[in-house]
């Protein structure tokens, strides 16, 4: 295949799979193996993630504007001893504090275990096993009762730390970041809209941090810059559409709908690896 067609295909895979709970990184590993790329293109993977980052920023632009406005009050609230009061009474301020808190375990895992987790990008077998794990977690969401769910002001720091830890572990290909974090939030008893919104807003600092860390380590790519930009555009546009679709699915409690796909792809990856 031509390099242009490969980049278009990878951008499409990233855009479809970043927000759909099927692991974009896992599918990119399998796609790169299928296209016989000589080594994992980590920078290409991050550029494609940047495209979907732009998609989530556009989709949640109103929430982001409110978050920026509210989190700017944190230093003043600390100085005037109003942090607890704001945290307990202002929903957007509360959400901003929780996103910051959840980003801490994600960052620690990314810094301490990045080399190991990124080494899994070389393993189709490990990716297949991780996809089976994702399928199992998605299947658990069928058992969740939604008669009583918690709102943003009822969400705790412990909830945030647990979801942030799950996001950090989902650096490994095959573990769906969106699928696992949304499932974790639903299992913890958060309402559907909040589970999806928190997961996607939490992805923003994670992707930005991963991109900055990779660039700081001097990651390079054999892919021309123009092709990288094309991949970014494709992943962004397709990502926006898939994000709209997933929020529709989560709102109707059908997250487990994607479990059979992860199961089938995981089994195929394991079969391929032998």
Protein backbone atom coordinates (compact mmCIF):
# COMPACT_ATOMS: atom_id res chain seq x y z
CA UNK A 1 0.00 0.00 0.00
CA UNK A 2 1.09 3.58 -0.57
CA UNK A 3 2.13 5.61 2.46
CA UNK A 4 -0.72 8.09 1.82
CA UNK A 5 -3.33 5.34 1.95
CA UNK A 6 -1.75 3.95 5.12
CA UNK A 7 -1.91 7.35 6.84
CA UNK A 8 -5.54 7.83 5.78
CA UNK A 9 -6.39 4.36 7.10
CA UNK A 10 -4.63 4.97 10.43
CA UNK A 11 -6.34 8.36 10.79
CA UNK A 12 -9.69 6.70 10.18
CA UNK A 13 -8.92 3.95 12.71
CA UNK A 14 -7.83 6.52 15.32
CA UNK A 15 -10.86 8.74 14.77
CA UNK A 16 -13.29 5.83 15.01
CA UNK A 17 -11.65 4.05 17.92
CA UNK A 18 -10.42 6.87 20.19
CA UNK A 19 -13.88 7.57 21.56
CA UNK A 20 -15.62 4.32 20.73
CA UNK A 21 -14.66 1.93 23.58
CA UNK A 22 -12.58 -0.45 21.47
CA UNK A 23 -9.02 0.91 22.10
CA UNK A 24 -7.60 3.14 19.39
CA UNK A 25 -4.03 2.27 20.40
CA UNK A 26 -4.79 -1.43 20.19
CA UNK A 27 -6.26 -1.09 16.72
CA UNK A 28 -3.33 1.09 15.62
CA UNK A 29 -0.88 -1.59 16.78
CA UNK A 30 -2.75 -4.20 14.75
CA UNK A 31 -3.06 -1.87 11.75
CA UNK A 32 0.66 -1.01 11.83
CA UNK A 33 1.48 -4.72 12.04
CA UNK A 34 -0.85 -5.37 9.11
CA UNK A 35 0.84 -2.64 7.06
CA UNK A 36 4.27 -4.03 8.02
CA UNK A 37 5.65 -0.82 9.48
CA UNK A 38 9.17 -1.64 10.59
CA UNK A 39 8.79 -0.14 14.08
CA UNK A 40 6.02 1.45 16.15
CA UNK A 41 5.48 5.02 14.98
CA UNK A 42 5.00 6.58 18.42
CA UNK A 43 5.03 10.16 17.13
CA UNK A 44 2.51 9.27 14.42
CA UNK A 45 0.32 7.71 17.10
CA UNK A 46 0.53 10.90 19.18
CA UNK A 47 -0.26 13.15 16.19
CA UNK A 48 -3.35 11.07 15.48
CA UNK A 49 -4.29 11.42 19.16
CA UNK A 50 -3.83 15.18 18.82
CA UNK A 51 -6.46 15.18 16.07
CA UNK A 52 -8.97 13.51 18.37
CA UNK A 53 -7.92 15.88 21.16
CA UNK A 54 -9.01 18.79 18.96
CA UNK A 55 -12.28 16.95 18.35
CA UNK A 56 -13.08 16.63 22.06
CA UNK A 57 -12.12 20.29 22.63
CA UNK A 58 -14.59 21.38 19.96
CA UNK A 59 -17.32 19.03 21.19
CA UNK A 60 -17.00 20.16 24.82
CA UNK A 61 -16.01 23.77 24.09
CA UNK A 62 -18.72 25.19 26.38
CA UNK A 63 -17.71 22.94 29.28
CA UNK A 64 -14.05 23.81 28.71
CA UNK A 65 -14.80 27.53 28.77
CA UNK A 66 -16.68 27.14 32.05
CA UNK A 67 -13.91 24.97 33.52
CA UNK A 68 -11.19 27.47 32.67
CA UNK A 69 -13.25 30.26 34.21
CA UNK A 70 -13.90 28.33 37.42
CA UNK A 71 -10.46 26.78 37.93
CA UNK A 72 -8.92 30.24 37.71
CA UNK A 73 -10.59 30.82 41.07
CA UNK A 74 -8.60 28.03 42.79
CA UNK A 75 -5.61 30.19 43.89
CA UNK A 76 -7.95 32.89 45.22
CA UNK A 77 -10.12 30.28 46.97
CA UNK A 78 -7.05 28.77 48.66
CA UNK A 79 -5.74 32.19 49.72
CA UNK A 80 -9.12 33.25 51.15
CA UNK A 81 -9.84 29.82 52.70
CA UNK A 82 -12.88 29.33 50.48
CA UNK A 83 -11.70 26.20 48.70
CA UNK A 84 -13.97 23.85 50.67
CA UNK A 85 -16.99 26.12 50.25
CA UNK A 86 -16.50 26.46 46.48
CA UNK A 87 -15.85 22.72 46.16
CA UNK A 88 -19.11 21.87 47.93
CA UNK A 89 -21.39 24.39 46.24
CA UNK A 90 -20.07 25.16 42.73
CA UNK A 91 -20.53 22.20 40.33
CA UNK A 92 -18.10 23.37 37.64
CA UNK A 93 -15.46 24.30 40.24
CA UNK A 94 -16.00 20.86 41.80
CA UNK A 95 -15.54 19.22 38.40
CA UNK A 96 -12.34 21.16 37.73
CA UNK A 97 -10.79 20.10 41.05
CA UNK A 98 -11.68 16.46 40.34
CA UNK A 99 -10.14 16.57 36.86
CA UNK A 100 -6.93 17.94 38.36
CA UNK A 101 -7.01 15.23 41.04
CA UNK A 102 -7.67 12.45 38.54
CA UNK A 103 -4.80 13.66 36.34
CA UNK A 104 -2.29 13.03 39.17
CA UNK A 105 -2.36 9.17 39.10
CA UNK A 106 -2.50 9.27 35.29
CA UNK A 107 0.65 11.42 35.20
CA UNK A 108 2.46 9.25 37.78
CA UNK A 109 1.73 6.07 35.85
CA UNK A 110 2.72 7.75 32.60
CA UNK A 111 6.06 8.90 34.04
CA UNK A 112 6.95 5.76 35.99
CA UNK A 113 5.65 3.04 33.69
CA UNK A 114 5.70 4.67 30.25
CA UNK A 115 8.64 2.66 28.91
CA UNK A 116 7.05 -0.64 29.92
CA UNK A 117 3.58 0.26 28.68
CA UNK A 118 4.90 1.62 25.38
CA UNK A 119 6.98 -1.54 24.91
CA UNK A 120 3.67 -3.36 24.60
CA UNK A 121 3.19 -1.54 21.28
CA UNK A 122 5.56 -4.19 19.91
CA UNK A 123 3.33 -7.06 21.01
CA UNK A 124 0.27 -8.13 19.06
CA UNK A 125 -0.30 -10.86 21.67
CA UNK A 126 -0.35 -8.43 24.60
CA UNK A 127 -2.71 -6.18 22.65
CA UNK A 128 -5.05 -9.12 22.05
CA UNK A 129 -5.12 -10.01 25.75
CA UNK A 130 -5.80 -6.39 26.68
CA UNK A 131 -8.70 -6.24 24.22
CA UNK A 132 -10.20 -9.29 25.91
CA UNK A 133 -9.91 -7.46 29.23
CA UNK A 134 -11.68 -4.45 27.75
CA UNK A 135 -14.46 -6.70 26.47
CA UNK A 136 -14.92 -8.17 29.96
CA UNK A 137 -15.20 -4.75 31.62
CA UNK A 138 -17.64 -3.45 29.00
CA UNK A 139 -19.80 -6.53 29.56
CA UNK A 140 -20.01 -5.71 33.28
CA UNK A 141 -21.86 -2.49 32.51
CA UNK A 142 -24.94 -4.57 31.66
CA UNK A 143 -25.28 -5.35 35.37
CA UNK A 144 -25.34 -1.71 36.47
CA UNK A 145 -28.60 -0.50 37.97
CA UNK A 146 -29.38 3.11 37.12
CA UNK A 147 -32.26 3.75 39.52
CA UNK A 148 -30.00 5.91 41.73
CA UNK A 149 -26.98 7.69 40.30
CA UNK A 150 -24.75 10.43 41.67
CA UNK A 151 -24.36 13.92 40.25
CA UNK A 152 -21.21 16.02 40.03
CA UNK A 153 -21.39 17.46 43.57
CA UNK A 154 -21.72 13.88 44.90
CA UNK A 155 -18.59 12.73 43.08
CA UNK A 156 -15.62 12.32 45.44
CA UNK A 157 -11.85 12.64 45.24
CA UNK A 158 -11.61 8.85 45.62
CA UNK A 159 -13.80 8.44 42.52
CA UNK A 160 -11.48 10.78 40.63
CA UNK A 161 -8.31 8.96 41.74
CA UNK A 162 -9.75 5.58 40.73
CA UNK A 163 -10.80 6.81 37.28
CA UNK A 164 -7.45 8.58 36.81
CA UNK A 165 -5.59 5.37 37.71
CA UNK A 166 -7.62 3.42 35.16
CA UNK A 167 -6.80 6.05 32.55
CA UNK A 168 -3.09 5.76 33.30
CA UNK A 169 -3.14 1.99 32.87
CA UNK A 170 -5.00 2.42 29.57
CA UNK A 171 -1.78 3.70 28.01
CA UNK A 172 -1.27 0.02 27.21
CA UNK A 173 -2.60 -0.80 23.73
CA UNK A 174 -5.78 -2.83 23.81
CA UNK A 175 -7.10 -1.24 27.00
CA UNK A 176 -9.74 1.24 25.89
CA UNK A 177 -9.26 4.54 27.72
CA UNK A 178 -12.80 5.74 27.08
CA UNK A 179 -14.38 2.33 27.63
CA UNK A 180 -12.61 1.63 30.92
CA UNK A 181 -12.95 5.12 32.42
CA UNK A 182 -16.64 5.44 31.52
CA UNK A 183 -17.29 1.91 32.78
CA UNK A 184 -15.45 2.68 36.01
CA UNK A 185 -17.51 5.84 36.51
CA UNK A 186 -20.76 3.97 35.87
CA UNK A 187 -19.76 1.16 38.25
CA UNK A 188 -18.98 3.79 40.89
CA UNK A 189 -22.56 5.02 40.54
CA UNK A 190 -22.11 8.25 38.59
CA UNK A 191 -24.82 9.25 36.14
CA UNK A 192 -24.38 8.53 32.45
CA UNK A 193 -23.89 12.08 31.22
CA UNK A 194 -21.32 12.84 33.93
CA UNK A 195 -19.47 9.56 33.31
CA UNK A 196 -18.99 10.36 29.63
CA UNK A 197 -18.21 14.06 30.13
CA UNK A 198 -15.68 13.41 32.90
CA UNK A 199 -13.95 10.71 30.84
CA UNK A 200 -13.58 12.87 27.76
CA UNK A 201 -12.56 16.05 29.60
CA UNK A 202 -10.02 14.00 31.56
CA UNK A 203 -8.48 12.82 28.29
CA UNK A 204 -7.41 16.37 27.41
CA UNK A 205 -4.58 16.81 29.96
CA UNK A 206 -3.56 13.16 29.44
CA UNK A 207 -3.12 13.53 25.68
CA UNK A 208 -1.42 16.92 26.03
CA UNK A 209 0.96 15.49 28.64
CA UNK A 210 1.73 12.43 26.54
CA UNK A 211 2.47 14.56 23.49
CA UNK A 212 4.71 16.93 25.46
CA UNK A 213 6.58 14.04 27.08
CA UNK A 214 7.15 12.33 23.74
CA UNK A 215 8.37 15.52 22.07
CA UNK A 216 10.61 16.21 25.07
CA UNK A 217 12.22 12.82 24.59
CA UNK A 218 12.96 13.65 20.97
CA UNK A 219 10.51 11.29 19.29
CA UNK A 220 10.83 11.36 15.53
CA UNK A 221 8.92 9.80 12.68
CA UNK A 222 9.76 8.54 9.23
CA UNK A 223 6.41 9.89 8.03
CA UNK A 224 6.58 13.24 6.16
CA UNK A 225 5.15 16.27 7.97
CA UNK A 226 2.43 16.81 5.35
CA UNK A 227 1.20 13.25 5.82
CA UNK A 228 1.23 13.70 9.60
CA UNK A 229 -0.99 16.77 9.19
CA UNK A 230 -3.34 14.86 6.91
CA UNK A 231 -3.61 12.10 9.50
CA UNK A 232 -4.38 14.72 12.16
CA UNK A 233 -7.24 16.19 10.09
CA UNK A 234 -8.76 12.79 9.29
CA UNK A 235 -8.59 11.59 12.91
CA UNK A 236 -10.07 14.88 14.13
CA UNK A 237 -13.09 14.93 11.81
CA UNK A 238 -13.88 11.24 12.21
CA UNK A 239 -13.22 11.52 15.95
CA UNK A 240 -15.80 14.28 16.34
CA UNK A 241 -18.44 12.16 14.62
CA UNK A 242 -17.62 9.07 16.69
CA UNK A 243 -17.72 11.17 19.88
CA UNK A 244 -21.26 12.28 19.09
CA UNK A 245 -22.21 8.66 18.45
CA UNK A 246 -20.70 7.36 21.70
CA UNK A 247 -22.41 9.96 23.88
CA UNK A 248 -25.67 8.79 22.29
CA UNK A 249 -24.80 5.15 23.11
CA UNK A 250 -23.78 5.91 26.72
CA UNK A 251 -26.94 7.93 27.31
CA UNK A 252 -28.98 4.87 26.37
CA UNK A 253 -26.96 2.50 28.56
CA UNK A 254 -25.63 0.46 25.65
CA UNK A 255 -21.88 0.62 26.34
CA UNK A 256 -21.69 -3.19 26.45
CA UNK A 257 -22.73 -3.16 22.78
CA UNK A 258 -19.01 -2.88 21.93
CA UNK A 259 -17.87 -5.87 24.02
CA UNK A 260 -18.36 -8.47 21.23
CA UNK A 261 -16.19 -6.40 18.86
CA UNK A 262 -13.33 -6.21 21.39
CA UNK A 263 -13.72 -9.93 22.06
CA UNK A 264 -13.55 -10.86 18.37
CA UNK A 265 -10.62 -8.55 17.57
CA UNK A 266 -8.77 -9.72 20.68
CA UNK A 267 -9.19 -13.37 19.72
CA UNK A 268 -8.09 -12.64 16.14
CA UNK A 269 -5.01 -10.82 17.45
CA UNK A 270 -4.10 -13.79 19.65
CA UNK A 271 -4.59 -16.20 16.75
CA UNK A 272 -2.45 -13.96 14.54
CA UNK A 273 0.33 -13.76 17.14
CA UNK A 274 0.91 -17.52 17.20
